[in-house]
PDB file of N, CA and C in Angstrom:
ATOM      1  N   MET A   1      29.009  72.259   5.469  1.00  0.00           N
ATOM      2  CA  MET A   1      29.897  73.115   4.725  1.00  0.00           C
ATOM      3  C   MET A   1      29.426  73.125   3.269  1.00  0.00           C
ATOM      4  N   ILE A   2      29.335  74.306   2.703  1.00  0.00           N
ATOM      5  CA  ILE A   2      29.008  74.467   1.283  1.00  0.00           C
ATOM      6  C   ILE A   2      30.287  74.870   0.563  1.00  0.00           C
ATOM      7  N   PHE A   3      30.592  74.221  -0.552  1.00  0.00           N
ATOM      8  CA  PHE A   3      31.765  74.558  -1.343  1.00  0.00           C
ATOM      9  C   PHE A   3      31.384  75.649  -2.342  1.00  0.00           C
ATOM     10  N   HIS A   4      32.144  76.745  -2.302  1.00  0.00           N
ATOM     11  CA  HIS A   4      31.921  77.901  -3.171  1.00  0.00           C
ATOM     12  C   HIS A   4      33.186  78.135  -3.985  1.00  0.00           C
ATOM     13  N   ALA A   5      33.058  78.108  -5.312  1.00  0.00           N
ATOM     14  CA  ALA A   5      34.201  78.362  -6.191  1.00  0.00           C
ATOM     15  C   ALA A   5      34.297  79.864  -6.421  1.00  0.00           C
ATOM     16  N   VAL A   6      35.262  80.486  -5.795  1.00  0.00           N
ATOM     17  CA  VAL A   6      35.389  81.941  -5.821  1.00  0.00           C
ATOM     18  C   VAL A   6      35.523  82.479  -7.242  1.00  0.00           C
ATOM     19  N   GLY A   7      36.410  81.932  -8.030  1.00  0.00           N
ATOM     20  CA  GLY A   7      36.643  82.442  -9.381  1.00  0.00           C
ATOM     21  C   GLY A   7      35.447  82.293 -10.307  1.00  0.00           C
ATOM     22  N   HIS A   8      34.600  81.320 -10.027  1.00  0.00           N
ATOM     23  CA  HIS A   8      33.420  81.079 -10.860  1.00  0.00           C
ATOM     24  C   HIS A   8      32.141  81.623 -10.230  1.00  0.00           C
ATOM     25  N   ALA A   9      32.199  81.963  -8.943  1.00  0.00           N
ATOM     26  CA  ALA A   9      31.038  82.448  -8.190  1.00  0.00           C
ATOM     27  C   ALA A   9      29.883  81.448  -8.243  1.00  0.00           C
ATOM     28  N   LYS A  10      30.234  80.181  -8.048  1.00  0.00           N
ATOM     29  CA  LYS A  10      29.260  79.095  -8.092  1.00  0.00           C
ATOM     30  C   LYS A  10      29.407  78.225  -6.839  1.00  0.00           C
ATOM     31  N   ILE A  11      28.290  77.611  -6.420  1.00  0.00           N
ATOM     32  CA  ILE A  11      28.389  76.595  -5.384  1.00  0.00           C
ATOM     33  C   ILE A  11      28.412  75.240  -6.076  1.00  0.00           C
ATOM     34  N   PHE A  12      29.190  74.291  -5.518  1.00  0.00           N
ATOM     35  CA  PHE A  12      29.355  73.023  -6.220  1.00  0.00           C
ATOM     36  C   PHE A  12      29.419  71.807  -5.313  1.00  0.00           C
ATOM     37  N   GLY A  13      29.203  71.984  -4.006  1.00  0.00           N
ATOM     38  CA  GLY A  13      29.224  70.823  -3.130  1.00  0.00           C
ATOM     39  C   GLY A  13      28.777  71.148  -1.728  1.00  0.00           C
ATOM     40  N   ALA A  14      28.402  70.089  -1.015  1.00  0.00           N
ATOM     41  CA  ALA A  14      28.008  70.199   0.394  1.00  0.00           C
ATOM     42  C   ALA A  14      28.634  69.028   1.141  1.00  0.00           C
ATOM     43  N   ALA A  15      29.174  69.308   2.318  1.00  0.00           N
ATOM     44  CA  ALA A  15      29.856  68.271   3.083  1.00  0.00           C
ATOM     45  C   ALA A  15      29.635  68.483   4.578  1.00  0.00           C
ATOM     46  N   GLU A  16      29.843  67.419   5.322  1.00  0.00           N
ATOM     47  CA  GLU A  16      29.796  67.484   6.782  1.00  0.00           C
ATOM     48  C   GLU A  16      31.220  67.440   7.309  1.00  0.00           C
ATOM     49  N   ILE A  17      31.557  68.370   8.186  1.00  0.00           N
ATOM     50  CA  ILE A  17      32.875  68.365   8.824  1.00  0.00           C
ATOM     51  C   ILE A  17      32.860  67.265   9.885  1.00  0.00           C
ATOM     52  N   LEU A  18      33.823  66.344   9.819  1.00  0.00           N
ATOM     53  CA  LEU A  18      33.830  65.172  10.689  1.00  0.00           C
ATOM     54  C   LEU A  18      34.666  65.343  11.951  1.00  0.00           C
ATOM     55  N   GLU A  19      35.706  66.158  11.879  1.00  0.00           N
ATOM     56  CA  GLU A  19      36.617  66.332  13.011  1.00  0.00           C
ATOM     57  C   GLU A  19      37.154  67.762  13.016  1.00  0.00           C
ATOM     58  N   SER A  20      37.852  68.094  14.069  1.00  0.00           N
ATOM     59  CA  SER A  20      38.515  69.393  14.148  1.00  0.00           C
ATOM     60  C   SER A  20      39.602  69.474  13.076  1.00  0.00           C
ATOM     61  N   PRO A  21      39.863  70.675  12.585  1.00  0.00           N
ATOM     62  CA  PRO A  21      40.889  70.815  11.548  1.00  0.00           C
ATOM     63  C   PRO A  21      42.291  70.623  12.109  1.00  0.00           C
ATOM     64  N   THR A  22      43.208  70.305  11.209  1.00  0.00           N
ATOM     65  CA  THR A  22      44.626  70.226  11.574  1.00  0.00           C
ATOM     66  C   THR A  22      45.376  71.249  10.731  1.00  0.00           C
ATOM     67  N   TYR A  23      46.496  71.710  11.259  1.00  0.00           N
ATOM     68  CA  TYR A  23      47.327  72.686  10.558  1.00  0.00           C
ATOM     69  C   TYR A  23      48.377  71.919   9.778  1.00  0.00           C
ATOM     70  N   HIS A  24      48.405  72.121   8.455  1.00  0.00           N
ATOM     71  CA  HIS A  24      49.332  71.400   7.588  1.00  0.00           C
ATOM     72  C   HIS A  24      49.716  72.310   6.421  1.00  0.00           C
ATOM     73  N   LEU A  25      50.985  72.591   6.299  1.00  0.00           N
ATOM     74  CA  LEU A  25      51.438  73.416   5.179  1.00  0.00           C
ATOM     75  C   LEU A  25      51.614  72.535   3.949  1.00  0.00           C
ATOM     76  N   HIS A  26      50.743  72.717   2.997  1.00  0.00           N
ATOM     77  CA  HIS A  26      50.790  71.977   1.741  1.00  0.00           C
ATOM     78  C   HIS A  26      51.944  72.515   0.902  1.00  0.00           C
ATOM     79  N   PRO A  27      52.666  71.644   0.175  1.00  0.00           N
ATOM     80  CA  PRO A  27      53.809  72.125  -0.627  1.00  0.00           C
ATOM     81  C   PRO A  27      53.449  73.225  -1.626  1.00  0.00           C
ATOM     82  N   PHE A  28      52.259  73.172  -2.213  1.00  0.00           N
ATOM     83  CA  PHE A  28      51.868  74.182  -3.192  1.00  0.00           C
ATOM     84  C   PHE A  28      51.216  75.394  -2.525  1.00  0.00           C
ATOM     85  N   TRP A  29      50.218  75.155  -1.650  1.00  0.00           N
ATOM     86  CA  TRP A  29      49.439  76.252  -1.063  1.00  0.00           C
ATOM     87  C   TRP A  29      50.168  76.949   0.079  1.00  0.00           C
ATOM     88  N   LYS A  30      51.117  76.255   0.691  1.00  0.00           N
ATOM     89  CA  LYS A  30      51.891  76.786   1.821  1.00  0.00           C
ATOM     90  C   LYS A  30      50.975  77.384   2.885  1.00  0.00           C
ATOM     91  N   ASP A  31      51.198  78.635   3.305  1.00  0.00           N
ATOM     92  CA  ASP A  31      50.391  79.186   4.398  1.00  0.00           C
ATOM     93  C   ASP A  31      49.115  79.881   3.902  1.00  0.00           C
ATOM     94  N   ARG A  32      48.809  79.770   2.610  1.00  0.00           N
ATOM     95  CA  ARG A  32      47.574  80.381   2.111  1.00  0.00           C
ATOM     96  C   ARG A  32      46.352  79.603   2.601  1.00  0.00           C
ATOM     97  N   PHE A  33      46.425  78.286   2.577  1.00  0.00           N
ATOM     98  CA  PHE A  33      45.336  77.413   3.032  1.00  0.00           C
ATOM     99  C   PHE A  33      45.918  76.334   3.949  1.00  0.00           C
ATOM    100  N   PRO A  34      46.318  76.699   5.174  1.00  0.00           N
ATOM    101  CA  PRO A  34      47.021  75.731   6.017  1.00  0.00           C
ATOM    102  C   PRO A  34      46.120  74.777   6.811  1.00  0.00           C
ATOM    103  N   TRP A  35      44.825  75.054   6.889  1.00  0.00           N
ATOM    104  CA  TRP A  35      43.942  74.222   7.717  1.00  0.00           C
ATOM    105  C   TRP A  35      43.280  73.145   6.871  1.00  0.00           C
ATOM    106  N   VAL A  36      43.379  71.907   7.349  1.00  0.00           N
ATOM    107  CA  VAL A  36      42.797  70.764   6.658  1.00  0.00           C
ATOM    108  C   VAL A  36      41.617  70.258   7.489  1.00  0.00           C
ATOM    109  N   TYR A  37      40.445  70.223   6.867  1.00  0.00           N
ATOM    110  CA  TYR A  37      39.220  69.765   7.528  1.00  0.00           C
ATOM    111  C   TYR A  37      38.840  68.387   6.989  1.00  0.00           C
ATOM    112  N   PRO A  38      38.777  67.367   7.840  1.00  0.00           N
ATOM    113  CA  PRO A  38      38.267  66.073   7.379  1.00  0.00           C
ATOM    114  C   PRO A  38      36.751  66.199   7.160  1.00  0.00           C
ATOM    115  N   VAL A  39      36.296  65.901   5.956  1.00  0.00           N
ATOM    116  CA  VAL A  39      34.877  66.044   5.628  1.00  0.00           C
ATOM    117  C   VAL A  39      34.350  64.797   4.920  1.00  0.00           C
ATOM    118  N   ARG A  40      33.032  64.670   4.938  1.00  0.00           N
ATOM    119  CA  ARG A  40      32.330  63.667   4.127  1.00  0.00           C
ATOM    120  C   ARG A  40      31.488  64.462   3.134  1.00  0.00           C
ATOM    121  N   VAL A  41      31.771  64.312   1.856  1.00  0.00           N
ATOM    122  CA  VAL A  41      31.040  65.048   0.830  1.00  0.00           C
ATOM    123  C   VAL A  41      29.720  64.318   0.571  1.00  0.00           C
ATOM    124  N   ASP A  42      28.611  65.033   0.724  1.00  0.00           N
ATOM    125  CA  ASP A  42      27.281  64.452   0.575  1.00  0.00           C
ATOM    126  C   ASP A  42      26.629  64.798  -0.756  1.00  0.00           C
ATOM    127  N   VAL A  43      26.913  65.971  -1.296  1.00  0.00           N
ATOM    128  CA  VAL A  43      26.361  66.429  -2.571  1.00  0.00           C
ATOM    129  C   VAL A  43      27.489  67.125  -3.321  1.00  0.00           C
ATOM    130  N   TRP A  44      27.579  66.849  -4.631  1.00  0.00           N
ATOM    131  CA  TRP A  44      28.596  67.530  -5.426  1.00  0.00           C
ATOM    132  C   TRP A  44      28.124  67.656  -6.869  1.00  0.00           C
ATOM    133  N   ILE A  45      28.640  68.673  -7.516  1.00  0.00           N
ATOM    134  CA  ILE A  45      28.390  68.910  -8.928  1.00  0.00           C
ATOM    135  C   ILE A  45      29.743  68.734  -9.614  1.00  0.00           C
ATOM    136  N   PRO A  46      29.893  67.710 -10.452  1.00  0.00           N
ATOM    137  CA  PRO A  46      31.201  67.371 -11.014  1.00  0.00           C
ATOM    138  C   PRO A  46      31.891  68.496 -11.789  1.00  0.00           C
ATOM    139  N   VAL A  47      31.127  69.319 -12.497  1.00  0.00           N
ATOM    140  CA  VAL A  47      31.705  70.427 -13.265  1.00  0.00           C
ATOM    141  C   VAL A  47      31.291  71.720 -12.560  1.00  0.00           C
ATOM    142  N   VAL A  48      32.254  72.391 -11.971  1.00  0.00           N
ATOM    143  CA  VAL A  48      31.976  73.585 -11.158  1.00  0.00           C
ATOM    144  C   VAL A  48      31.091  74.591 -11.886  1.00  0.00           C
ATOM    145  N   THR A  49      31.335  74.805 -13.142  1.00  0.00           N
ATOM    146  CA  THR A  49      30.575  75.821 -13.874  1.00  0.00           C
ATOM    147  C   THR A  49      29.097  75.456 -14.048  1.00  0.00           C
ATOM    148  N   ASP A  50      28.730  74.212 -13.783  1.00  0.00           N
ATOM    149  CA  ASP A  50      27.322  73.812 -13.832  1.00  0.00           C
ATOM    150  C   ASP A  50      26.566  74.200 -12.563  1.00  0.00           C
ATOM    151  N   GLY A  51      27.281  74.555 -11.508  1.00  0.00           N
ATOM    152  CA  GLY A  51      26.651  74.873 -10.221  1.00  0.00           C
ATOM    153  C   GLY A  51      25.829  76.145 -10.268  1.00  0.00           C
ATOM    154  N   PRO A  52      24.916  76.280  -9.321  1.00  0.00           N
ATOM    155  CA  PRO A  52      24.130  77.514  -9.234  1.00  0.00           C
ATOM    156  C   PRO A  52      25.019  78.716  -8.923  1.00  0.00           C
ATOM    157  N   ARG A  53      24.699  79.863  -9.504  1.00  0.00           N
ATOM    158  CA  ARG A  53      25.436  81.093  -9.203  1.00  0.00           C
ATOM    159  C   ARG A  53      25.163  81.453  -7.744  1.00  0.00           C
ATOM    160  N   THR A  54      26.220  81.584  -6.971  1.00  0.00           N
ATOM    161  CA  THR A  54      26.104  81.811  -5.533  1.00  0.00           C
ATOM    162  C   THR A  54      25.256  83.037  -5.224  1.00  0.00           C
ATOM    163  N   SER A  55      25.456  84.118  -5.945  1.00  0.00           N
ATOM    164  CA  SER A  55      24.720  85.354  -5.658  1.00  0.00           C
ATOM    165  C   SER A  55      23.220  85.213  -5.901  1.00  0.00           C
ATOM    166  N   GLU A  56      22.810  84.217  -6.672  1.00  0.00           N
ATOM    167  CA  GLU A  56      21.388  84.023  -6.955  1.00  0.00           C
ATOM    168  C   GLU A  56      20.687  83.115  -5.945  1.00  0.00           C
ATOM    169  N   VAL A  57      21.458  82.339  -5.174  1.00  0.00           N
ATOM    170  CA  VAL A  57      20.837  81.376  -4.260  1.00  0.00           C
ATOM    171  C   VAL A  57      21.237  81.555  -2.795  1.00  0.00           C
ATOM    172  N   ALA A  58      22.350  82.215  -2.537  1.00  0.00           N
ATOM    173  CA  ALA A  58      22.843  82.368  -1.167  1.00  0.00           C
ATOM    174  C   ALA A  58      22.172  83.544  -0.460  1.00  0.00           C
ATOM    175  N   PRO A  59      22.071  83.476   0.872  1.00  0.00           N
ATOM    176  CA  PRO A  59      21.514  84.601   1.630  1.00  0.00           C
ATOM    177  C   PRO A  59      22.383  85.858   1.465  1.00  0.00           C
ATOM    178  N   VAL A  60      21.753  87.000   1.542  1.00  0.00           N
ATOM    179  CA  VAL A  60      22.450  88.276   1.356  1.00  0.00           C
ATOM    180  C   VAL A  60      23.612  88.432   2.334  1.00  0.00           C
ATOM    181  N   GLN A  61      23.401  88.112   3.619  1.00  0.00           N
ATOM    182  CA  GLN A  61      24.486  88.303   4.592  1.00  0.00           C
ATOM    183  C   GLN A  61      25.667  87.381   4.298  1.00  0.00           C
ATOM    184  N   ALA A  62      25.412  86.194   3.752  1.00  0.00           N
ATOM    185  CA  ALA A  62      26.511  85.305   3.377  1.00  0.00           C
ATOM    186  C   ALA A  62      27.283  85.898   2.195  1.00  0.00           C
ATOM    187  N   MET A  63      26.562  86.419   1.222  1.00  0.00           N
ATOM    188  CA  MET A  63      27.225  87.042   0.068  1.00  0.00           C
ATOM    189  C   MET A  63      28.048  88.251   0.500  1.00  0.00           C
ATOM    190  N   ASN A  64      27.522  89.053   1.407  1.00  0.00           N
ATOM    191  CA  ASN A  64      28.277  90.209   1.898  1.00  0.00           C
ATOM    192  C   ASN A  64      29.572  89.770   2.563  1.00  0.00           C
ATOM    193  N   ARG A  65      29.520  88.696   3.334  1.00  0.00           N
ATOM    194  CA  ARG A  65      30.714  88.181   4.018  1.00  0.00           C
ATOM    195  C   ARG A  65      31.734  87.674   2.999  1.00  0.00           C
ATOM    196  N   ILE A  66      31.240  86.941   1.993  1.00  0.00           N
ATOM    197  CA  ILE A  66      32.140  86.423   0.954  1.00  0.00           C
ATOM    198  C   ILE A  66      32.790  87.584   0.188  1.00  0.00           C
ATOM    199  N   ARG A  67      31.987  88.570  -0.194  1.00  0.00           N
ATOM    200  CA  ARG A  67      32.517  89.719  -0.953  1.00  0.00           C
ATOM    201  C   ARG A  67      33.506  90.536  -0.137  1.00  0.00           C
ATOM    202  N   ALA A  68      33.360  90.527   1.183  1.00  0.00           N
ATOM    203  CA  ALA A  68      34.281  91.260   2.046  1.00  0.00           C
ATOM    204  C   ALA A  68      35.577  90.481   2.290  1.00  0.00           C
ATOM    205  N   GLY A  69      35.670  89.274   1.726  1.00  0.00           N
ATOM    206  CA  GLY A  69      36.891  88.485   1.866  1.00  0.00           C
ATOM    207  C   GLY A  69      36.930  87.627   3.106  1.00  0.00           C
ATOM    208  N   GLY A  70      35.786  87.432   3.749  1.00  0.00           N
ATOM    209  CA  GLY A  70      35.744  86.588   4.942  1.00  0.00           C
ATOM    210  C   GLY A  70      36.106  85.152   4.622  1.00  0.00           C
ATOM    211  N   PRO A  71      36.704  84.449   5.578  1.00  0.00           N
ATOM    212  CA  PRO A  71      37.105  83.060   5.331  1.00  0.00           C
ATOM    213  C   PRO A  71      35.915  82.103   5.267  1.00  0.00           C
ATOM    214  N   TYR A  72      34.785  82.514   5.810  1.00  0.00           N
ATOM    215  CA  TYR A  72      33.579  81.690   5.768  1.00  0.00           C
ATOM    216  C   TYR A  72      32.377  82.586   6.013  1.00  0.00           C
ATOM    217  N   ALA A  73      31.195  82.063   5.727  1.00  0.00           N
ATOM    218  CA  ALA A  73      29.949  82.766   6.013  1.00  0.00           C
ATOM    219  C   ALA A  73      29.044  81.781   6.758  1.00  0.00           C
ATOM    220  N   ARG A  74      28.614  82.157   7.932  1.00  0.00           N
ATOM    221  CA  ARG A  74      27.762  81.286   8.743  1.00  0.00           C
ATOM    222  C   ARG A  74      26.369  81.202   8.121  1.00  0.00           C
ATOM    223  N   LEU A  75      25.802  79.978   8.103  1.00  0.00           N
ATOM    224  CA  LEU A  75      24.464  79.743   7.575  1.00  0.00           C
ATOM    225  C   LEU A  75      23.589  79.102   8.645  1.00  0.00           C
ATOM    226  N   THR A  76      22.310  79.376   8.596  1.00  0.00           N
ATOM    227  CA  THR A  76      21.380  78.649   9.461  1.00  0.00           C
ATOM    228  C   THR A  76      21.145  77.273   8.821  1.00  0.00           C
ATOM    229  N   ASP A  77      20.542  76.368   9.570  1.00  0.00           N
ATOM    230  CA  ASP A  77      20.212  75.047   9.015  1.00  0.00           C
ATOM    231  C   ASP A  77      19.312  75.189   7.792  1.00  0.00           C
ATOM    232  N   GLU A  78      18.356  76.104   7.873  1.00  0.00           N
ATOM    233  CA  GLU A  78      17.422  76.309   6.762  1.00  0.00           C
ATOM    234  C   GLU A  78      18.143  76.852   5.521  1.00  0.00           C
ATOM    235  N   GLU A  79      19.067  77.788   5.728  1.00  0.00           N
ATOM    236  CA  GLU A  79      19.824  78.348   4.608  1.00  0.00           C
ATOM    237  C   GLU A  79      20.691  77.273   3.960  1.00  0.00           C
ATOM    238  N   TYR A  80      21.304  76.451   4.794  1.00  0.00           N
ATOM    239  CA  TYR A  80      22.137  75.355   4.291  1.00  0.00           C
ATOM    240  C   TYR A  80      21.297  74.402   3.439  1.00  0.00           C
ATOM    241  N   MET A  81      20.156  73.981   3.965  1.00  0.00           N
ATOM    242  CA  MET A  81      19.297  73.039   3.246  1.00  0.00           C
ATOM    243  C   MET A  81      18.795  73.644   1.932  1.00  0.00           C
ATOM    244  N   HIS A  82      18.511  74.942   1.942  1.00  0.00           N
ATOM    245  CA  HIS A  82      18.086  75.611   0.702  1.00  0.00           C
ATOM    246  C   HIS A  82      19.186  75.503  -0.357  1.00  0.00           C
ATOM    247  N   LEU A  83      20.438  75.720   0.028  1.00  0.00           N
ATOM    248  CA  LEU A  83      21.541  75.642  -0.931  1.00  0.00           C
ATOM    249  C   LEU A  83      21.733  74.218  -1.437  1.00  0.00           C
ATOM    250  N   VAL A  84      21.580  73.235  -0.559  1.00  0.00           N
ATOM    251  CA  VAL A  84      21.671  71.836  -0.979  1.00  0.00           C
ATOM    252  C   VAL A  84      20.565  71.540  -1.991  1.00  0.00           C
ATOM    253  N   GLU A  85      19.342  71.983  -1.709  1.00  0.00           N
ATOM    254  CA  GLU A  85      18.227  71.762  -2.636  1.00  0.00           C
ATOM    255  C   GLU A  85      18.492  72.409  -3.990  1.00  0.00           C
ATOM    256  N   GLU A  86      19.086  73.611  -3.982  1.00  0.00           N
ATOM    257  CA  GLU A  86      19.419  74.286  -5.243  1.00  0.00           C
ATOM    258  C   GLU A  86      20.440  73.479  -6.034  1.00  0.00           C
ATOM    259  N   MET A  87      21.428  72.909  -5.354  1.00  0.00           N
ATOM    260  CA  MET A  87      22.428  72.096  -6.053  1.00  0.00           C
ATOM    261  C   MET A  87      21.798  70.834  -6.628  1.00  0.00           C
ATOM    262  N   LEU A  88      20.870  70.231  -5.891  1.00  0.00           N
ATOM    263  CA  LEU A  88      20.239  68.997  -6.365  1.00  0.00           C
ATOM    264  C   LEU A  88      19.339  69.220  -7.578  1.00  0.00           C
ATOM    265  N   LEU A  89      18.991  70.464  -7.874  1.00  0.00           N
ATOM    266  CA  LEU A  89      18.220  70.779  -9.074  1.00  0.00           C
ATOM    267  C   LEU A  89      19.076  70.708 -10.343  1.00  0.00           C
ATOM    268  N   VAL A  90      20.381  70.753 -10.172  1.00  0.00           N
ATOM    269  CA  VAL A  90      21.299  70.688 -11.322  1.00  0.00           C
ATOM    270  C   VAL A  90      21.303  69.243 -11.836  1.00  0.00           C
ATOM    271  N   PRO A  91      21.046  69.024 -13.124  1.00  0.00           N
ATOM    272  CA  PRO A  91      20.953  67.657 -13.651  1.00  0.00           C
ATOM    273  C   PRO A  91      22.169  66.776 -13.379  1.00  0.00           C
ATOM    274  N   SER A  92      23.356  67.334 -13.355  1.00  0.00           N
ATOM    275  CA  SER A  92      24.564  66.526 -13.139  1.00  0.00           C
ATOM    276  C   SER A  92      24.900  66.321 -11.656  1.00  0.00           C
ATOM    277  N   ALA A  93      24.119  66.874 -10.757  1.00  0.00           N
ATOM    278  CA  ALA A  93      24.410  66.767  -9.320  1.00  0.00           C
ATOM    279  C   ALA A  93      24.426  65.302  -8.885  1.00  0.00           C
ATOM    280  N   GLN A  94      25.336  65.004  -7.997  1.00  0.00           N
ATOM    281  CA  GLN A  94      25.475  63.651  -7.425  1.00  0.00           C
ATOM    282  C   GLN A  94      25.204  63.740  -5.932  1.00  0.00           C
ATOM    283  N   GLN A  95      24.696  62.653  -5.362  1.00  0.00           N
ATOM    284  CA  GLN A  95      24.420  62.623  -3.926  1.00  0.00           C
ATOM    285  C   GLN A  95      24.913  61.308  -3.351  1.00  0.00           C
ATOM    286  N   ARG A  96      25.574  61.398  -2.209  1.00  0.00           N
ATOM    287  CA  ARG A  96      26.067  60.202  -1.515  1.00  0.00           C
ATOM    288  C   ARG A  96      24.860  59.396  -1.059  1.00  0.00           C
ATOM    289  N   LYS A  97      24.941  58.123  -1.237  1.00  0.00           N
ATOM    290  CA  LYS A  97      23.821  57.248  -0.833  1.00  0.00           C
ATOM    291  C   LYS A  97      24.080  56.632   0.518  1.00  0.00           C
TER     292      LYS A  97
END
């Protein structure tokens, strides 16, 4: 999973989904974001605005899906690894050891 900050149009993290999601209505988000995915974050950029601009590093079909309001954009293993490599180029990027 790649974390994409919609308002900033930046990618800022990569994680592995560990289990199936559960449905949980958060007091603030309510039914806007009801699915909770247990993940292990492997790469992250502490300040979102430091992340690579998504439109400059993401595949075209993923950007089209995001711009169309899709809940996710499917990536190949190679596309995923490319995005992780782009995040690791950011000086402040952190990686789980």
